[in-house]
Every structure is written in structure tokens, then in C-alpha cells.
Protein backbone atom coordinates (compact mmCIF):
# COMPACT_ATOMS: atom_id res chain seq x y z
CA MET A 1 -0.03 0.26 0.60
CA THR A 2 2.02 3.32 -0.75
CA ASN A 3 1.29 5.85 0.75
CA ARG A 4 0.05 9.66 -0.58
CA PRO A 5 2.40 12.89 -0.01
CA GLY A 6 2.49 14.43 3.29
CA GLU A 7 0.06 11.04 5.19
CA ARG A 8 1.08 10.20 8.15
CA ARG A 9 2.31 6.30 8.23
CA HIS A 10 0.66 3.69 10.57
CA TYR A 11 2.14 1.15 12.15
CA PRO A 12 0.92 -1.96 14.24
CA PRO A 13 1.53 -1.55 17.45
CA HIS A 14 3.92 -4.34 17.63
CA LEU A 15 5.90 -2.59 14.88
CA GLN A 16 5.57 1.17 15.83
CA PRO A 17 9.81 3.01 16.00
CA PRO A 18 10.16 4.96 18.54
CA LEU A 19 10.15 8.43 18.50
CA ALA A 20 13.37 10.68 17.96
CA ALA A 21 13.33 12.37 21.05
CA ASP A 22 12.82 9.20 23.57
CA HIS A 23 16.13 7.62 21.79
CA TYR A 24 18.67 10.34 21.73
CA MET A 25 16.78 13.06 25.41
CA GLY A 26 17.20 9.98 27.55
CA PRO A 27 20.85 8.45 27.29
CA SER A 28 21.99 12.83 26.51
CA SER A 29 20.59 14.06 29.75
CA SER A 30 21.82 11.49 32.30
CA SER A 31 24.75 11.53 31.10
CA SER A 32 25.04 15.56 30.75
CA ALA A 33 24.63 15.32 35.02
CA ALA A 34 26.63 11.93 35.63
CA SER A 35 28.87 13.92 33.55
CA LEU A 36 28.36 17.90 35.96
CA LYS A 37 28.52 15.11 39.19
CA GLY A 38 32.28 13.68 38.17
CA CYS A 39 33.26 17.53 37.91
CA CYS A 40 31.84 18.87 41.08
CA CYS A 41 33.36 15.58 42.55
CA CYS A 42 36.71 16.86 40.68
CA LEU A 43 36.51 19.75 42.17
CA PHE A 44 36.20 19.00 46.12
CA LEU A 45 38.36 16.76 46.09
CA LEU A 46 41.18 19.04 44.72
CA LEU A 47 39.21 21.91 47.01
CA ILE A 48 39.74 19.70 49.88
CA PHE A 49 43.82 18.70 49.00
CA LEU A 50 45.25 22.25 48.36
CA ALA A 51 44.02 22.62 52.04
CA LEU A 52 45.79 19.69 52.52
CA LEU A 53 48.23 20.65 50.90
CA ALA A 54 48.02 24.62 53.10
CA VAL A 55 48.55 23.15 56.79
CA ALA A 56 50.89 21.27 56.03
CA ILE A 57 53.54 23.44 54.52
CA ALA A 58 52.53 25.36 57.05
CA LEU A 59 53.45 23.04 60.32
CA VAL A 60 56.77 22.33 58.52
CA ILE A 61 57.08 26.15 58.48
CA VAL A 62 56.41 27.08 61.83
CA LEU A 63 58.54 23.60 63.34
CA ALA A 64 61.46 24.42 60.27
CA VAL A 65 61.53 27.89 62.07
CA ARG A 66 59.64 27.83 65.35
CA PRO A 67 58.96 31.86 65.17
CA LYS A 68 58.89 33.22 68.24
CA LYS A 69 56.98 37.12 68.96
CA PRO A 70 59.35 40.23 67.98
CA GLU A 71 60.64 42.73 70.51
CA PHE A 72 59.23 46.21 69.94
CA ASP A 73 60.19 48.81 72.97
CA LEU A 74 60.78 52.17 73.83
CA GLN A 75 64.66 52.99 74.13
CA ARG A 76 64.52 56.79 74.55
CA VAL A 77 63.10 60.27 74.78
CA GLY A 78 64.67 62.91 73.39
CA VAL A 79 63.18 66.43 75.57
CA GLU A 80 63.32 69.47 72.92
CA TYR A 81 60.67 71.13 74.66
CA LEU A 82 57.96 71.45 77.03
CA LEU A 83 55.49 74.37 77.76
CA VAL A 84 52.55 74.81 80.68
CA ALA A 85 50.93 77.86 79.90
CA PRO A 86 47.95 78.84 82.99
CA THR A 87 45.21 81.29 81.00
CA ASP A 88 44.56 83.86 83.77
CA SER A 89 41.26 83.59 85.19
CA SER A 90 41.27 86.79 87.65
CA GLY A 91 40.43 89.01 84.21
CA ASP A 92 43.04 91.62 85.81
CA GLY A 93 46.64 89.96 83.63
CA VAL A 94 47.43 88.41 87.39
CA THR A 95 47.48 84.43 86.13
CA SER A 96 46.03 82.06 88.89
CA TYR A 97 47.87 78.53 89.71
CA SER A 98 45.37 77.45 91.95
CA ALA A 99 42.64 77.37 90.56
CA SER A 100 43.29 77.72 86.41
CA PRO A 101 40.34 76.91 83.98
CA ALA A 102 41.69 75.28 81.62
CA ALA A 103 46.40 75.72 80.30
CA TYR A 104 48.17 75.09 77.05
CA LEU A 105 50.81 72.50 76.85
CA SER A 106 53.09 72.08 73.99
CA LEU A 107 56.01 69.58 73.51
CA ASN A 108 58.40 68.78 71.16
CA THR A 109 59.92 64.71 71.83
CA THR A 110 61.67 62.39 69.99
CA LEU A 111 60.91 58.93 70.99
CA LEU A 112 63.71 56.06 69.72
CA PHE A 113 61.91 52.80 69.52
CA THR A 114 64.02 49.49 69.43
CA ALA A 115 62.62 46.47 67.14
CA VAL A 116 64.80 42.96 68.73
CA ASN A 117 63.78 40.28 65.40
CA PRO A 118 64.67 36.59 67.30
CA ASN A 119 63.68 34.80 64.44
CA LYS A 120 65.29 32.97 61.70
CA VAL A 121 63.09 35.06 59.16
CA GLY A 122 61.96 38.36 58.56
CA ILE A 123 59.58 39.98 59.68
CA LYS A 124 56.91 43.45 57.73
CA TYR A 125 55.94 45.46 60.57
CA GLY A 126 53.60 47.97 59.42
CA ALA A 127 52.95 51.39 60.10
CA ALA A 128 51.28 52.28 63.46
CA ASP A 129 50.22 55.06 66.11
CA LEU A 130 51.27 55.40 69.31
CA TYR A 131 49.35 57.67 71.69
CA VAL A 132 50.89 60.09 74.05
CA LEU A 133 48.51 60.56 76.86
CA TYR A 134 48.41 62.93 80.08
CA ARG A 135 46.32 61.74 82.68
CA GLY A 136 43.99 59.65 79.78
CA VAL A 137 43.69 62.91 78.05
CA PRO A 138 44.78 62.57 74.68
CA LEU A 139 47.87 65.23 74.00
CA GLY A 140 49.63 64.21 70.42
CA ILE A 141 50.24 60.31 67.73
CA ALA A 142 53.49 58.98 67.48
CA VAL A 143 53.44 57.74 63.82
CA VAL A 144 55.53 54.82 63.45
CA PRO A 145 56.78 54.20 59.61
CA GLY A 146 56.31 50.57 58.44
CA PHE A 147 60.00 48.25 57.88
CA GLU A 148 61.35 45.18 56.41
CA GLN A 149 64.13 43.51 59.45
CA PRO A 150 65.67 40.79 58.13
CA GLU A 151 65.96 37.88 60.86
CA HIS A 152 68.38 37.75 63.98
CA SER A 153 68.84 41.53 63.88
CA THR A 154 67.82 45.06 65.89
CA ARG A 155 66.95 48.76 64.24
CA LEU A 156 66.25 51.37 65.86
CA VAL A 157 63.42 53.52 64.67
CA GLU A 158 62.41 57.19 65.32
CA SER A 159 59.77 58.81 66.10
CA ARG A 160 58.31 62.34 66.86
CA VAL A 161 55.21 63.99 69.18
CA SER A 162 54.44 67.37 67.96
CA VAL A 163 51.83 69.36 70.57
CA SER A 164 51.37 73.02 70.33
CA ARG A 165 49.46 74.89 72.84
CA PHE A 166 47.14 71.83 73.31
CA ASN A 167 44.20 72.87 75.57
CA VAL A 168 43.95 71.08 78.71
CA LEU A 169 40.72 72.15 80.26
CA GLN A 170 39.02 71.51 84.19
CA SER A 171 40.57 69.35 86.59
CA ASP A 172 43.24 68.12 84.24
CA ALA A 173 44.63 71.98 83.77
CA VAL A 174 44.79 72.40 87.37
CA ASN A 175 46.87 68.90 88.09
CA LEU A 176 48.97 69.53 84.81
CA VAL A 177 49.93 73.23 86.13
CA ARG A 178 50.80 71.91 89.63
CA ASP A 179 53.26 68.76 88.05
CA ALA A 180 54.61 71.89 86.11
CA ALA A 181 54.96 74.55 88.53
CA VAL A 182 55.52 72.52 91.89
CA ASN A 183 56.40 69.29 91.26
CA ASP A 184 58.01 69.60 88.70
CA ARG A 185 57.33 66.32 87.46
CA VAL A 186 54.94 66.36 83.97
CA GLU A 187 53.72 63.12 83.20
CA LEU A 188 53.40 60.80 80.70
CA ARG A 189 51.46 57.74 79.42
CA ILE A 190 53.21 56.72 75.47
CA THR A 191 50.43 53.52 74.74
CA GLY A 192 49.17 51.54 71.65
CA ASP A 193 49.56 48.56 69.24
CA VAL A 194 52.10 47.65 66.71
CA GLY A 195 51.24 44.63 63.38
CA ALA A 196 54.42 42.60 62.28
CA LYS A 197 54.86 39.37 60.13
CA ILE A 198 56.66 36.66 59.15
CA ARG A 199 57.63 36.14 56.08
CA LEU A 200 59.27 32.40 54.83
CA LEU A 201 59.55 32.36 51.21
CA GLY A 202 56.90 34.06 49.94
CA PHE A 203 54.68 33.81 52.79
CA THR A 204 52.93 35.72 55.17
CA SER A 205 52.23 34.81 58.66
CA PRO A 206 49.11 36.02 60.01
CA ARG A 207 49.08 39.55 61.97
CA VAL A 208 51.10 39.43 65.25
CA GLN A 209 50.52 42.38 67.90
CA VAL A 210 52.60 43.81 69.59
CA SER A 211 51.61 46.46 72.48
CA VAL A 212 53.36 49.05 73.55
CA ASP A 213 52.75 51.14 77.13
CA CYS A 214 55.33 52.75 77.95
CA VAL A 215 55.15 55.81 81.51
CA ILE A 216 57.71 58.65 80.98
CA VAL A 217 57.78 61.30 82.73
CA ILE A 218 59.08 65.19 82.20
CA SER A 219 60.65 68.43 83.94
CA PRO A 220 59.67 70.95 82.75
CA ARG A 221 62.58 72.54 84.52
CA ARG A 222 65.92 70.80 83.03
CA GLN A 223 63.69 70.01 79.05
CA SER A 224 64.98 66.90 80.09
CA LEU A 225 63.54 62.86 80.65
CA SER A 226 63.65 61.91 84.30
CA TYR A 227 62.37 58.66 85.00
CA LYS A 228 60.88 55.63 81.39
CA GLN A 229 59.38 52.48 82.74
CA CYS A 230 57.99 50.61 80.07
CA GLY A 231 56.04 46.74 79.04
CA VAL A 232 55.32 44.81 76.98
CA ASP A 233 51.70 42.80 76.76
CA GLY A 234 52.13 44.11 81.25
CA LEU A 235 54.90 42.51 81.56
CA ASN A 236 57.10 45.18 82.78
CA VAL A 237 60.46 45.41 80.49
């Protein structure tokens, strides 16, 4: 029997040929899903391997180098200028030292720090700000520049603090005037954190923090340092 052009040929049910879509889409979708799962598993295993490799390298570095915490301490303080000027509280041009509501402090100092690297590898220090305080009141900032330090070495780092007519108010001003004019001792505190990282074979360790906390006493009459005590992480050195 010949079919006419455009007429669909009919087969008995048991001789019906499989549809083209069924023959093509089924195996292709299954293979694509299996391939995608295989890629995800390979990627996951690769990430685990890289993580374990990084941990192993870090452990080798730690065991081989045995890193120690670097030391950062205030070595010397050079007093160039310190002046405490009480304000006129009476209004008649006579300065009162006992009940002055405010006072001005001017200060120029040079701070010399020592950085000690006890490790077998180099250390990279980041820039840091150390605060100069009088009775908890911030007066100025000593900026410590960032630098790199080789292994088993000691380096000197200089910083300057310049304060121009800082206005100290109320009770702190009374104490400041009394300390400068009567006791001849102005006590300041220098505190802050310095960050460092150990570098080895292109790897950089996490940031190590070194805390600096120093108390210095300056004599306004002699324009010199009369006392210094520093601590690192709360321990006196």
C-alpha cells in the first residue's frame, strides 16, 4: 500500500518505531548529569587537597622556623621642648596657678624605639600610631613608619611628637599646672599596638600584635627626661 504525499504512515502497535526524541534525549540528559556530578566531585577533592597541602606547608614552616614574638620597646626619649602655660583666670592679668580652669601644653619630643627580631626569618612591620596621653587625655600621636627587618637583627626606629598649645581643660589643667610649676614632673603615657608579619619563601604569616605601654616623666625646668618605664603585653621589662 502506497501512502499519499504528506500522509503519515501508520504501523501496528508491536511494530511502532521509537520516537526520535525518546531515543535521543534520555541517554544524553543522564550522561550530562553524571558528567556534572563527576566534575563537582573532582573540584571538591581538589579543594580539599589544596587545603591539606596549605596546612602541611604551614606546619612545616612552624616546625622548622619556630617563630618567636618580636620585641618592640621604647629605648630613648629626647625632650626638645615642653611648656605649660596656664590661662589668666582672674581677668586682671595675674595668672592663678591654683584655680586655673584651663592650661596650654606645648611639647616637642623625639622617641627612639628598638625592634628586635629573634627569628630565623625576616619580619615586616606595618605602620602604627602610638598615642601620647596625659591622665588619659590624648595629646598627640607618634607615627611609627612601616619597615622590614632581617632575621636575628636589632633596628632603631625614630618617631616624633609635636604638640602646639594643646588646650587642657578643668581639673586636668589644674593638675598639669601643679605638676609643671610645683612638682617639676609631667607624667605622660605612650601606648598603642604595632603589627608585624613573618615572611618565609613567599608566605606571610597572620598578623602578630606587639603592645607598647610606656610611662615617661619629663622635667619642664631641665627640659629632660627624668623617668621611663615600659611594658610589653602588660609585663614590665
